[in-house]
Full PDB file with SEQRES, HELIX, SHEET, SSBOND, CRYST1, ORIGX, SCALE, CONECT and MASTER records, all heavy atoms in Angstrom:
SEQRES   1 A   41  ILE VAL ALA GLU PHE GLY PHE SER PHE SER VAL LEU VAL          
SEQRES   2 A   41  TYR ASN ILE ALA GLN VAL SER PHE ARG GLN ARG VAL THR          
SEQRES   3 A   41  PRO HIS HIS LEU LEU GLY ARG MET ASN ALA SER ILE ARG          
SEQRES   4 A   41  PHE VAL                                                      
HELIX    1 AA1 VAL A    2  VAL A   25  1                                  24    
HELIX    2 AA2 HIS A   28  LEU A   30  5                                   3    
HELIX    3 AA3 LEU A   31  PHE A   40  1                                  10    
CRYST1    1.000    1.000    1.000  90.00  90.00  90.00 P 1           1          
ORIGX1      1.000000  0.000000  0.000000        0.00000                         
ORIGX2      0.000000  1.000000  0.000000        0.00000                         
ORIGX3      0.000000  0.000000  1.000000        0.00000                         
SCALE1      1.000000  0.000000  0.000000        0.00000                         
SCALE2      0.000000  1.000000  0.000000        0.00000                         
SCALE3      0.000000  0.000000  1.000000        0.00000                         
ATOM      1  N   ILE A   1     126.212 106.915 116.203  1.00  0.00           N  
ATOM      2  CA  ILE A   1     125.625 105.576 116.302  1.00  0.00           C  
ATOM      3  C   ILE A   1     124.535 105.550 117.369  1.00  0.00           C  
ATOM      4  O   ILE A   1     123.436 105.016 117.150  1.00  0.00           O  
ATOM      5  CB  ILE A   1     126.715 104.527 116.606  1.00  0.00           C  
ATOM      6  CG1 ILE A   1     127.604 104.321 115.371  1.00  0.00           C  
ATOM      7  CG2 ILE A   1     126.083 103.199 117.033  1.00  0.00           C  
ATOM      8  CD1 ILE A   1     128.800 103.424 115.612  1.00  0.00           C  
ATOM      9  N   VAL A   2     124.813 106.149 118.536  1.00  0.00           N  
ATOM     10  CA  VAL A   2     123.808 106.204 119.605  1.00  0.00           C  
ATOM     11  C   VAL A   2     122.586 106.984 119.147  1.00  0.00           C  
ATOM     12  O   VAL A   2     121.435 106.602 119.408  1.00  0.00           O  
ATOM     13  CB  VAL A   2     124.407 106.822 120.883  1.00  0.00           C  
ATOM     14  CG1 VAL A   2     123.317 107.061 121.926  1.00  0.00           C  
ATOM     15  CG2 VAL A   2     125.488 105.924 121.454  1.00  0.00           C  
ATOM     16  N   ALA A   3     122.838 108.103 118.443  1.00  0.00           N  
ATOM     17  CA  ALA A   3     121.728 108.926 117.946  1.00  0.00           C  
ATOM     18  C   ALA A   3     120.859 108.139 116.975  1.00  0.00           C  
ATOM     19  O   ALA A   3     119.624 108.141 117.083  1.00  0.00           O  
ATOM     20  CB  ALA A   3     122.270 110.185 117.266  1.00  0.00           C  
ATOM     21  N   GLU A   4     121.490 107.456 116.026  1.00  0.00           N  
ATOM     22  CA  GLU A   4     120.735 106.682 115.045  1.00  0.00           C  
ATOM     23  C   GLU A   4     120.022 105.505 115.713  1.00  0.00           C  
ATOM     24  O   GLU A   4     118.888 105.164 115.353  1.00  0.00           O  
ATOM     25  CB  GLU A   4     121.678 106.166 113.951  1.00  0.00           C  
ATOM     26  CG  GLU A   4     122.136 107.228 112.967  1.00  0.00           C  
ATOM     27  CD  GLU A   4     120.983 107.790 112.164  1.00  0.00           C  
ATOM     28  OE1 GLU A   4     120.153 107.008 111.666  1.00  0.00           O  
ATOM     29  OE2 GLU A   4     120.906 109.025 112.042  1.00  0.00           O  
ATOM     30  N   PHE A   5     120.676 104.895 116.693  1.00  0.00           N  
ATOM     31  CA  PHE A   5     120.062 103.770 117.415  1.00  0.00           C  
ATOM     32  C   PHE A   5     118.798 104.233 118.143  1.00  0.00           C  
ATOM     33  O   PHE A   5     117.724 103.633 118.007  1.00  0.00           O  
ATOM     34  CB  PHE A   5     121.060 103.177 118.406  1.00  0.00           C  
ATOM     35  CG  PHE A   5     120.565 101.948 119.121  1.00  0.00           C  
ATOM     36  CD1 PHE A   5     120.907 100.689 118.668  1.00  0.00           C  
ATOM     37  CD2 PHE A   5     119.757 102.050 120.249  1.00  0.00           C  
ATOM     38  CE1 PHE A   5     120.449  99.543 119.312  1.00  0.00           C  
ATOM     39  CE2 PHE A   5     119.294 100.922 120.906  1.00  0.00           C  
ATOM     40  CZ  PHE A   5     119.645  99.670 120.442  1.00  0.00           C  
ATOM     41  N   GLY A   6     118.924 105.299 118.926  1.00  0.00           N  
ATOM     42  CA  GLY A   6     117.781 105.811 119.681  1.00  0.00           C  
ATOM     43  C   GLY A   6     116.668 106.298 118.781  1.00  0.00           C  
ATOM     44  O   GLY A   6     115.482 106.062 119.048  1.00  0.00           O  
ATOM     45  N   PHE A   7     117.051 106.969 117.706  1.00  0.00           N  
ATOM     46  CA  PHE A   7     116.048 107.484 116.780  1.00  0.00           C  
ATOM     47  C   PHE A   7     115.298 106.344 116.099  1.00  0.00           C  
ATOM     48  O   PHE A   7     114.068 106.337 116.040  1.00  0.00           O  
ATOM     49  CB  PHE A   7     116.731 108.369 115.726  1.00  0.00           C  
ATOM     50  CG  PHE A   7     115.767 109.041 114.795  1.00  0.00           C  
ATOM     51  CD1 PHE A   7     115.087 110.185 115.173  1.00  0.00           C  
ATOM     52  CD2 PHE A   7     115.536 108.530 113.532  1.00  0.00           C  
ATOM     53  CE1 PHE A   7     114.188 110.807 114.318  1.00  0.00           C  
ATOM     54  CE2 PHE A   7     114.641 109.129 112.668  1.00  0.00           C  
ATOM     55  CZ  PHE A   7     113.967 110.285 113.062  1.00  0.00           C  
ATOM     56  N   SER A   8     116.039 105.359 115.596  1.00  0.00           N  
ATOM     57  CA  SER A   8     115.415 104.232 114.903  1.00  0.00           C  
ATOM     58  C   SER A   8     114.505 103.446 115.844  1.00  0.00           C  
ATOM     59  O   SER A   8     113.392 103.063 115.472  1.00  0.00           O  
ATOM     60  CB  SER A   8     116.484 103.300 114.325  1.00  0.00           C  
ATOM     61  OG  SER A   8     117.246 103.963 113.348  1.00  0.00           O  
ATOM     62  N   PHE A   9     114.962 103.206 117.066  1.00  0.00           N  
ATOM     63  CA  PHE A   9     114.163 102.460 118.040  1.00  0.00           C  
ATOM     64  C   PHE A   9     112.843 103.169 118.314  1.00  0.00           C  
ATOM     65  O   PHE A   9     111.764 102.579 118.220  1.00  0.00           O  
ATOM     66  CB  PHE A   9     114.952 102.306 119.343  1.00  0.00           C  
ATOM     67  CG  PHE A   9     114.232 101.537 120.417  1.00  0.00           C  
ATOM     68  CD1 PHE A   9     114.420 100.172 120.552  1.00  0.00           C  
ATOM     69  CD2 PHE A   9     113.376 102.191 121.303  1.00  0.00           C  
ATOM     70  CE1 PHE A   9     113.753  99.459 121.549  1.00  0.00           C  
ATOM     71  CE2 PHE A   9     112.699 101.485 122.290  1.00  0.00           C  
ATOM     72  CZ  PHE A   9     112.896 100.115 122.415  1.00  0.00           C  
ATOM     73  N   SER A  10     112.917 104.454 118.636  1.00  0.00           N  
ATOM     74  CA  SER A  10     111.716 105.185 119.039  1.00  0.00           C  
ATOM     75  C   SER A  10     110.769 105.424 117.875  1.00  0.00           C  
ATOM     76  O   SER A  10     109.543 105.356 118.042  1.00  0.00           O  
ATOM     77  CB  SER A  10     112.106 106.522 119.686  1.00  0.00           C  
ATOM     78  OG  SER A  10     112.986 107.257 118.856  1.00  0.00           O  
ATOM     79  N   VAL A  11     111.306 105.684 116.695  1.00  0.00           N  
ATOM     80  CA  VAL A  11     110.440 105.910 115.539  1.00  0.00           C  
ATOM     81  C   VAL A  11     109.682 104.635 115.168  1.00  0.00           C  
ATOM     82  O   VAL A  11     108.501 104.691 114.805  1.00  0.00           O  
ATOM     83  CB  VAL A  11     111.266 106.423 114.334  1.00  0.00           C  
ATOM     84  CG1 VAL A  11     110.465 106.334 113.044  1.00  0.00           C  
ATOM     85  CG2 VAL A  11     111.679 107.867 114.567  1.00  0.00           C  
ATOM     86  N   LEU A  12     110.341 103.482 115.272  1.00  0.00           N  
ATOM     87  CA  LEU A  12     109.644 102.228 114.955  1.00  0.00           C  
ATOM     88  C   LEU A  12     108.537 101.942 115.957  1.00  0.00           C  
ATOM     89  O   LEU A  12     107.442 101.520 115.584  1.00  0.00           O  
ATOM     90  CB  LEU A  12     110.642 101.065 114.902  1.00  0.00           C  
ATOM     91  CG  LEU A  12     111.086 100.668 113.503  1.00  0.00           C  
ATOM     92  CD1 LEU A  12     109.936 100.042 112.723  1.00  0.00           C  
ATOM     93  CD2 LEU A  12     111.631 101.874 112.740  1.00  0.00           C  
ATOM     94  N   VAL A  13     108.810 102.173 117.239  1.00  0.00           N  
ATOM     95  CA  VAL A  13     107.760 101.987 118.246  1.00  0.00           C  
ATOM     96  C   VAL A  13     106.586 102.917 117.944  1.00  0.00           C  
ATOM     97  O   VAL A  13     105.419 102.507 117.957  1.00  0.00           O  
ATOM     98  CB  VAL A  13     108.317 102.260 119.661  1.00  0.00           C  
ATOM     99  CG1 VAL A  13     107.194 102.251 120.698  1.00  0.00           C  
ATOM    100  CG2 VAL A  13     109.378 101.221 120.031  1.00  0.00           C  
ATOM    101  N   TYR A  14     106.894 104.164 117.662  1.00  0.00           N  
ATOM    102  CA  TYR A  14     105.859 105.164 117.354  1.00  0.00           C  
ATOM    103  C   TYR A  14     105.068 104.775 116.109  1.00  0.00           C  
ATOM    104  O   TYR A  14     103.841 104.803 116.099  1.00  0.00           O  
ATOM    105  CB  TYR A  14     106.528 106.518 117.162  1.00  0.00           C  
ATOM    106  CG  TYR A  14     105.604 107.641 116.746  1.00  0.00           C  
ATOM    107  CD1 TYR A  14     104.880 108.357 117.691  1.00  0.00           C  
ATOM    108  CD2 TYR A  14     105.457 107.990 115.403  1.00  0.00           C  
ATOM    109  CE1 TYR A  14     104.032 109.388 117.311  1.00  0.00           C  
ATOM    110  CE2 TYR A  14     104.617 109.012 115.018  1.00  0.00           C  
ATOM    111  CZ  TYR A  14     103.910 109.720 115.976  1.00  0.00           C  
ATOM    112  OH  TYR A  14     103.071 110.737 115.591  1.00  0.00           O  
ATOM    113  N   ASN A  15     105.781 104.393 115.062  1.00  0.00           N  
ATOM    114  CA  ASN A  15     105.120 104.084 113.800  1.00  0.00           C  
ATOM    115  C   ASN A  15     104.213 102.867 113.898  1.00  0.00           C  
ATOM    116  O   ASN A  15     103.081 102.876 113.411  1.00  0.00           O  
ATOM    117  CB  ASN A  15     106.158 103.870 112.695  1.00  0.00           C  
ATOM    118  CG  ASN A  15     106.701 105.167 112.141  1.00  0.00           C  
ATOM    119  OD1 ASN A  15     106.149 106.226 112.391  1.00  0.00           O  
ATOM    120  ND2 ASN A  15     107.778 105.086 111.398  1.00  0.00           N  
ATOM    121  N   ILE A  16     104.700 101.800 114.490  1.00  0.00           N  
ATOM    122  CA  ILE A  16     103.879 100.596 114.618  1.00  0.00           C  
ATOM    123  C   ILE A  16     102.633 100.910 115.438  1.00  0.00           C  
ATOM    124  O   ILE A  16     101.518 100.495 115.101  1.00  0.00           O  
ATOM    125  CB  ILE A  16     104.678  99.451 115.264  1.00  0.00           C  
ATOM    126  CG1 ILE A  16     105.800  98.986 114.319  1.00  0.00           C  
ATOM    127  CG2 ILE A  16     103.769  98.276 115.605  1.00  0.00           C  
ATOM    128  CD1 ILE A  16     106.760  97.996 114.940  1.00  0.00           C  
ATOM    129  N   ALA A  17     102.813 101.682 116.512  1.00  0.00           N  
ATOM    130  CA  ALA A  17     101.686 102.007 117.381  1.00  0.00           C  
ATOM    131  C   ALA A  17     100.626 102.823 116.652  1.00  0.00           C  
ATOM    132  O   ALA A  17      99.455 102.464 116.625  1.00  0.00           O  
ATOM    133  CB  ALA A  17     102.183 102.767 118.614  1.00  0.00           C  
ATOM    134  N   GLN A  18     101.035 103.929 116.031  1.00  0.00           N  
ATOM    135  CA  GLN A  18     100.014 104.822 115.473  1.00  0.00           C  
ATOM    136  C   GLN A  18      99.470 104.349 114.120  1.00  0.00           C  
ATOM    137  O   GLN A  18      98.300 104.545 113.815  1.00  0.00           O  
ATOM    138  CB  GLN A  18     100.533 106.264 115.411  1.00  0.00           C  
ATOM    139  CG  GLN A  18     101.780 106.501 114.590  1.00  0.00           C  
ATOM    140  CD  GLN A  18     101.476 106.917 113.172  1.00  0.00           C  
ATOM    141  OE1 GLN A  18     100.308 107.097 112.811  1.00  0.00           O  
ATOM    142  NE2 GLN A  18     102.505 107.063 112.373  1.00  0.00           N  
ATOM    143  N   VAL A  19     100.282 103.687 113.299  1.00  0.00           N  
ATOM    144  CA  VAL A  19      99.775 103.194 112.016  1.00  0.00           C  
ATOM    145  C   VAL A  19      98.745 102.082 112.235  1.00  0.00           C  
ATOM    146  O   VAL A  19      97.686 102.069 111.607  1.00  0.00           O  
ATOM    147  CB  VAL A  19     100.930 102.678 111.127  1.00  0.00           C  
ATOM    148  CG1 VAL A  19     100.385 101.881 109.953  1.00  0.00           C  
ATOM    149  CG2 VAL A  19     101.750 103.849 110.594  1.00  0.00           C  
ATOM    150  N   SER A  20      99.046 101.158 113.141  1.00  0.00           N  
ATOM    151  CA  SER A  20      98.101 100.069 113.407  1.00  0.00           C  
ATOM    152  C   SER A  20      96.791 100.614 113.977  1.00  0.00           C  
ATOM    153  O   SER A  20      95.712 100.126 113.645  1.00  0.00           O  
ATOM    154  CB  SER A  20      98.717  99.060 114.371  1.00  0.00           C  
ATOM    155  OG  SER A  20      99.866  98.462 113.804  1.00  0.00           O  
ATOM    156  N   PHE A  21      96.889 101.609 114.839  1.00  0.00           N  
ATOM    157  CA  PHE A  21      95.678 102.239 115.382  1.00  0.00           C  
ATOM    158  C   PHE A  21      94.846 102.865 114.256  1.00  0.00           C  
ATOM    159  O   PHE A  21      93.627 102.679 114.186  1.00  0.00           O  
ATOM    160  CB  PHE A  21      96.074 103.302 116.408  1.00  0.00           C  
ATOM    161  CG  PHE A  21      94.943 104.206 116.811  1.00  0.00           C  
ATOM    162  CD1 PHE A  21      93.819 103.694 117.447  1.00  0.00           C  
ATOM    163  CD2 PHE A  21      95.010 105.571 116.561  1.00  0.00           C  
ATOM    164  CE1 PHE A  21      92.768 104.527 117.828  1.00  0.00           C  
ATOM    165  CE2 PHE A  21      93.967 106.406 116.926  1.00  0.00           C  
ATOM    166  CZ  PHE A  21      92.844 105.886 117.561  1.00  0.00           C  
ATOM    167  N   ARG A  22      95.487 103.589 113.362  1.00  0.00           N  
ATOM    168  CA  ARG A  22      94.770 104.216 112.248  1.00  0.00           C  
ATOM    169  C   ARG A  22      94.102 103.167 111.368  1.00  0.00           C  
ATOM    170  O   ARG A  22      92.953 103.327 110.952  1.00  0.00           O  
ATOM    171  CB  ARG A  22      95.739 105.053 111.414  1.00  0.00           C  
ATOM    172  CG  ARG A  22      96.112 106.382 112.033  1.00  0.00           C  
ATOM    173  CD  ARG A  22      97.388 106.959 111.441  1.00  0.00           C  
ATOM    174  NE  ARG A  22      97.538 106.669 110.034  1.00  0.00           N  
ATOM    175  CZ  ARG A  22      98.687 106.775 109.372  1.00  0.00           C  
ATOM    176  NH1 ARG A  22      99.781 107.130 110.015  1.00  0.00           N  
ATOM    177  NH2 ARG A  22      98.757 106.502 108.085  1.00  0.00           N  
ATOM    178  N   GLN A  23      94.815 102.097 111.069  1.00  0.00           N  
ATOM    179  CA  GLN A  23      94.247 101.049 110.223  1.00  0.00           C  
ATOM    180  C   GLN A  23      93.067 100.374 110.908  1.00  0.00           C  
ATOM    181  O   GLN A  23      92.100  99.986 110.256  1.00  0.00           O  
ATOM    182  CB  GLN A  23      95.326 100.014 109.891  1.00  0.00           C  
ATOM    183  CG  GLN A  23      96.417 100.529 108.972  1.00  0.00           C  
ATOM    184  CD  GLN A  23      97.577  99.569 108.867  1.00  0.00           C  
ATOM    185  OE1 GLN A  23      97.762  98.698 109.727  1.00  0.00           O  
ATOM    186  NE2 GLN A  23      98.383  99.703 107.834  1.00  0.00           N  
ATOM    187  N   ARG A  24      93.128 100.263 112.230  1.00  0.00           N  
ATOM    188  CA  ARG A  24      92.098  99.572 112.981  1.00  0.00           C  
ATOM    189  C   ARG A  24      90.801 100.369 113.055  1.00  0.00           C  
ATOM    190  O   ARG A  24      89.714  99.789 113.038  1.00  0.00           O  
ATOM    191  CB  ARG A  24      92.621  99.295 114.395  1.00  0.00           C  
ATOM    192  CG  ARG A  24      91.787  98.312 115.200  1.00  0.00           C  
ATOM    193  CD  ARG A  24      92.439  98.040 116.538  1.00  0.00           C  
ATOM    194  NE  ARG A  24      92.292  99.154 117.464  1.00  0.00           N  
ATOM    195  CZ  ARG A  24      92.949  99.241 118.617  1.00  0.00           C  
ATOM    196  NH1 ARG A  24      93.824  98.315 118.950  1.00  0.00           N  
ATOM    197  NH2 ARG A  24      92.751 100.265 119.418  1.00  0.00           N  
ATOM    198  N   VAL A  25      90.898 101.694 113.138  1.00  0.00           N  
ATOM    199  CA  VAL A  25      89.698 102.503 113.366  1.00  0.00           C  
ATOM    200  C   VAL A  25      89.109 103.084 112.081  1.00  0.00           C  
ATOM    201  O   VAL A  25      88.027 103.653 112.110  1.00  0.00           O  
ATOM    202  CB  VAL A  25      89.975 103.659 114.357  1.00  0.00           C  
ATOM    203  CG1 VAL A  25      90.405 103.115 115.698  1.00  0.00           C  
ATOM    204  CG2 VAL A  25      91.004 104.629 113.804  1.00  0.00           C  
ATOM    205  N   THR A  26      89.813 102.959 110.964  1.00  0.00           N  
ATOM    206  CA  THR A  26      89.343 103.572 109.722  1.00  0.00           C  
ATOM    207  C   THR A  26      88.490 102.598 108.918  1.00  0.00           C  
ATOM    208  O   THR A  26      88.913 101.462 108.680  1.00  0.00           O  
ATOM    209  CB  THR A  26      90.532 104.037 108.852  1.00  0.00           C  
ATOM    210  OG1 THR A  26      91.348 104.938 109.609  1.00  0.00           O  
ATOM    211  CG2 THR A  26      90.045 104.737 107.593  1.00  0.00           C  
ATOM    212  N   PRO A  27      87.296 103.006 108.468  1.00  0.00           N  
ATOM    213  CA  PRO A  27      86.491 102.150 107.590  1.00  0.00           C  
ATOM    214  C   PRO A  27      87.258 101.783 106.325  1.00  0.00           C  
ATOM    215  O   PRO A  27      88.026 102.596 105.801  1.00  0.00           O  
ATOM    216  CB  PRO A  27      85.276 103.037 107.259  1.00  0.00           C  
ATOM    217  CG  PRO A  27      85.219 104.042 108.365  1.00  0.00           C  
ATOM    218  CD  PRO A  27      86.638 104.285 108.769  1.00  0.00           C  
ATOM    219  N   HIS A  28      87.080 100.575 105.801  1.00  0.00           N  
ATOM    220  CA  HIS A  28      87.850 100.102 104.647  1.00  0.00           C  
ATOM    221  C   HIS A  28      87.713 101.024 103.439  1.00  0.00           C  
ATOM    222  O   HIS A  28      88.683 101.250 102.709  1.00  0.00           O  
ATOM    223  CB  HIS A  28      87.416  98.681 104.279  1.00  0.00           C  
ATOM    224  CG  HIS A  28      88.077  97.622 105.120  1.00  0.00           C  
ATOM    225  ND1 HIS A  28      88.168  96.311 104.743  1.00  0.00           N  
ATOM    226  CD2 HIS A  28      88.680  97.699 106.332  1.00  0.00           C  
ATOM    227  CE1 HIS A  28      88.810  95.616 105.683  1.00  0.00           C  
ATOM    228  NE2 HIS A  28      89.109  96.439 106.651  1.00  0.00           N  
ATOM    229  N   HIS A  29      86.531 101.579 103.224  1.00  0.00           N  
ATOM    230  CA  HIS A  29      86.345 102.393 102.023  1.00  0.00           C  
ATOM    231  C   HIS A  29      87.070 103.735 102.120  1.00  0.00           C  
ATOM    232  O   HIS A  29      87.172 104.461 101.124  1.00  0.00           O  
ATOM    233  CB  HIS A  29      84.847 102.625 101.767  1.00  0.00           C  
ATOM    234  CG  HIS A  29      84.205 103.586 102.725  1.00  0.00           C  
ATOM    235  ND1 HIS A  29      83.814 103.206 103.996  1.00  0.00           N  
ATOM    236  CD2 HIS A  29      83.891 104.900 102.597  1.00  0.00           C  
ATOM    237  CE1 HIS A  29      83.272 104.253 104.606  1.00  0.00           C  
ATOM    238  NE2 HIS A  29      83.315 105.291 103.787  1.00  0.00           N  
ATOM    239  N   LEU A  30      87.604 104.058 103.317  1.00  0.00           N  
ATOM    240  CA  LEU A  30      88.330 105.317 103.498  1.00  0.00           C  
ATOM    241  C   LEU A  30      89.829 105.116 103.712  1.00  0.00           C  
ATOM    242  O   LEU A  30      90.552 106.086 103.884  1.00  0.00           O  
ATOM    243  CB  LEU A  30      87.765 106.073 104.708  1.00  0.00           C  
ATOM    244  CG  LEU A  30      86.471 106.860 104.506  1.00  0.00           C  
ATOM    245  CD1 LEU A  30      85.972 107.384 105.850  1.00  0.00           C  
ATOM    246  CD2 LEU A  30      86.684 108.014 103.542  1.00  0.00           C  
ATOM    247  N   LEU A  31      90.298 103.869 103.695  1.00  0.00           N  
ATOM    248  CA  LEU A  31      91.700 103.607 104.036  1.00  0.00           C  
ATOM    249  C   LEU A  31      92.682 104.367 103.148  1.00  0.00           C  
ATOM    250  O   LEU A  31      93.631 104.980 103.625  1.00  0.00           O  
ATOM    251  CB  LEU A  31      91.985 102.107 103.964  1.00  0.00           C  
ATOM    252  CG  LEU A  31      91.561 101.281 105.182  1.00  0.00           C  
ATOM    253  CD1 LEU A  31      91.602  99.789 104.863  1.00  0.00           C  
ATOM    254  CD2 LEU A  31      92.448 101.600 106.379  1.00  0.00           C  
ATOM    255  N   GLY A  32      92.453 104.299 101.827  1.00  0.00           N  
ATOM    256  CA  GLY A  32      93.364 104.983 100.914  1.00  0.00           C  
ATOM    257  C   GLY A  32      93.379 106.472 101.145  1.00  0.00           C  
ATOM    258  O   GLY A  32      94.438 107.109 101.200  1.00  0.00           O  
ATOM    259  N   ARG A  33      92.201 107.057 101.314  1.00  0.00           N  
ATOM    260  CA  ARG A  33      92.122 108.504 101.490  1.00  0.00           C  
ATOM    261  C   ARG A  33      92.621 108.942 102.865  1.00  0.00           C  
ATOM    262  O   ARG A  33      93.228 110.000 103.007  1.00  0.00           O  
ATOM    263  CB  ARG A  33      90.678 108.976 101.254  1.00  0.00           C  
ATOM    264  CG  ARG A  33      90.336 109.071  99.776  1.00  0.00           C  
ATOM    265  CD  ARG A  33      88.853 109.271  99.555  1.00  0.00           C  
ATOM    266  NE  ARG A  33      88.104 108.046  99.861  1.00  0.00           N  
ATOM    267  CZ  ARG A  33      86.788 108.000  99.949  1.00  0.00           C  
ATOM    268  NH1 ARG A  33      86.074 109.098  99.793  1.00  0.00           N  
ATOM    269  NH2 ARG A  33      86.180 106.850 100.205  1.00  0.00           N  
ATOM    270  N   MET A  34      92.378 108.112 103.888  1.00  0.00           N  
ATOM    271  CA  MET A  34      92.928 108.432 105.205  1.00  0.00           C  
ATOM    272  C   MET A  34      94.449 108.455 105.148  1.00  0.00           C  
ATOM    273  O   MET A  34      95.102 109.417 105.582  1.00  0.00           O  
ATOM    274  CB  MET A  34      92.450 107.399 106.223  1.00  0.00           C  
ATOM    275  CG  MET A  34      93.024 107.576 107.646  1.00  0.00           C  
ATOM    276  SD  MET A  34      94.651 106.805 107.902  1.00  0.00           S  
ATOM    277  CE  MET A  34      94.255 105.066 107.795  1.00  0.00           C  
ATOM    278  N   ASN A  35      95.049 107.384 104.602  1.00  0.00           N  
ATOM    279  CA  ASN A  35      96.511 107.327 104.520  1.00  0.00           C  
ATOM    280  C   ASN A  35      97.079 108.432 103.644  1.00  0.00           C  
ATOM    281  O   ASN A  35      98.095 109.042 103.974  1.00  0.00           O  
ATOM    282  CB  ASN A  35      96.951 105.957 103.989  1.00  0.00           C  
ATOM    283  CG  ASN A  35      96.848 104.867 105.040  1.00  0.00           C  
ATOM    284  OD1 ASN A  35      97.196 105.084 106.194  1.00  0.00           O  
ATOM    285  ND2 ASN A  35      96.353 103.704 104.653  1.00  0.00           N  
ATOM    286  N   ALA A  36      96.407 108.712 102.518  1.00  0.00           N  
ATOM    287  CA  ALA A  36      96.890 109.758 101.620  1.00  0.00           C  
ATOM    288  C   ALA A  36      96.767 111.134 102.259  1.00  0.00           C  
ATOM    289  O   ALA A  36      97.655 111.988 102.090  1.00  0.00           O  
ATOM    290  CB  ALA A  36      96.114 109.718 100.305  1.00  0.00           C  
ATOM    291  N   SER A  37      95.674 111.375 102.982  1.00  0.00           N  
ATOM    292  CA  SER A  37      95.492 112.667 103.641  1.00  0.00           C  
ATOM    293  C   SER A  37      96.599 112.907 104.660  1.00  0.00           C  
ATOM    294  O   SER A  37      97.179 114.002 104.736  1.00  0.00           O  
ATOM    295  CB  SER A  37      94.122 112.727 104.331  1.00  0.00           C  
ATOM    296  OG  SER A  37      93.078 112.635 103.396  1.00  0.00           O  
ATOM    297  N   ILE A  38      96.899 111.866 105.439  1.00  0.00           N  
ATOM    298  CA  ILE A  38      97.951 112.007 106.445  1.00  0.00           C  
ATOM    299  C   ILE A  38      99.310 112.141 105.776  1.00  0.00           C  
ATOM    300  O   ILE A  38     100.136 112.980 106.167  1.00  0.00           O  
ATOM    301  CB  ILE A  38      97.910 110.812 107.417  1.00  0.00           C  
ATOM    302  CG1 ILE A  38      96.622 110.881 108.256  1.00  0.00           C  
ATOM    303  CG2 ILE A  38      99.136 110.796 108.324  1.00  0.00           C  
ATOM    304  CD1 ILE A  38      96.426 109.714 109.183  1.00  0.00           C  
ATOM    305  N   ARG A  39      99.555 111.341 104.749  1.00  0.00           N  
ATOM    306  CA  ARG A  39     100.835 111.440 104.034  1.00  0.00           C  
ATOM    307  C   ARG A  39     101.012 112.819 103.400  1.00  0.00           C  
ATOM    308  O   ARG A  39     102.112 113.358 103.353  1.00  0.00           O  
ATOM    309  CB  ARG A  39     100.917 110.357 102.957  1.00  0.00           C  
ATOM    310  CG  ARG A  39     101.130 108.954 103.499  1.00  0.00           C  
ATOM    311  CD  ARG A  39     102.586 108.674 103.717  1.00  0.00           C  
ATOM    312  NE  ARG A  39     102.815 107.414 104.378  1.00  0.00           N  
ATOM    313  CZ  ARG A  39     103.857 106.630 104.129  1.00  0.00           C  
ATOM    314  NH1 ARG A  39     104.739 106.970 103.227  1.00  0.00           N  
ATOM    315  NH2 ARG A  39     104.025 105.510 104.799  1.00  0.00           N  
ATOM    316  N   PHE A  40      99.920 113.373 102.886  1.00  0.00           N  
ATOM    317  CA  PHE A  40      99.979 114.710 102.287  1.00  0.00           C  
ATOM    318  C   PHE A  40     100.506 115.725 103.298  1.00  0.00           C  
ATOM    319  O   PHE A  40     101.349 116.571 102.980  1.00  0.00           O  
ATOM    320  CB  PHE A  40      98.587 115.123 101.811  1.00  0.00           C  
ATOM    321  CG  PHE A  40      98.487 116.571 101.427  1.00  0.00           C  
ATOM    322  CD1 PHE A  40      99.021 117.033 100.235  1.00  0.00           C  
ATOM    323  CD2 PHE A  40      97.830 117.471 102.262  1.00  0.00           C  
ATOM    324  CE1 PHE A  40      98.930 118.371  99.884  1.00  0.00           C  
ATOM    325  CE2 PHE A  40      97.723 118.806 101.913  1.00  0.00           C  
ATOM    326  CZ  PHE A  40      98.276 119.260 100.723  1.00  0.00           C  
ATOM    327  N   VAL A  41     100.029 115.624 104.529  1.00  0.00           N  
ATOM    328  CA  VAL A  41     100.444 116.574 105.561  1.00  0.00           C  
ATOM    329  C   VAL A  41     101.837 116.253 106.077  1.00  0.00           C  
ATOM    330  O   VAL A  41     102.719 117.120 106.092  1.00  0.00           O  
ATOM    331  CB  VAL A  41      99.433 116.580 106.726  1.00  0.00           C  
ATOM    332  CG1 VAL A  41      99.910 117.511 107.840  1.00  0.00           C  
ATOM    333  CG2 VAL A  41      98.055 117.001 106.245  1.00  0.00           C  
TER     334      VAL A  41                                                      
MASTER        0    0    0    3    0    0    0    6  333    1    0    4          
END                                                                             
C-alpha cells in the first residue's frame, strides 16, 4: 500500500508537470506528432 501510494503520488506530480510543459511549448500543428513521437519511445 505504501509503495503504491508513493508511486501514484510521485508519478502524478511528474506527469502533470511534464505533460503540461510539453503542451505549452509545442506548436499546435505538431501536437499530435510530438505526443506520438514521445509515446512511441
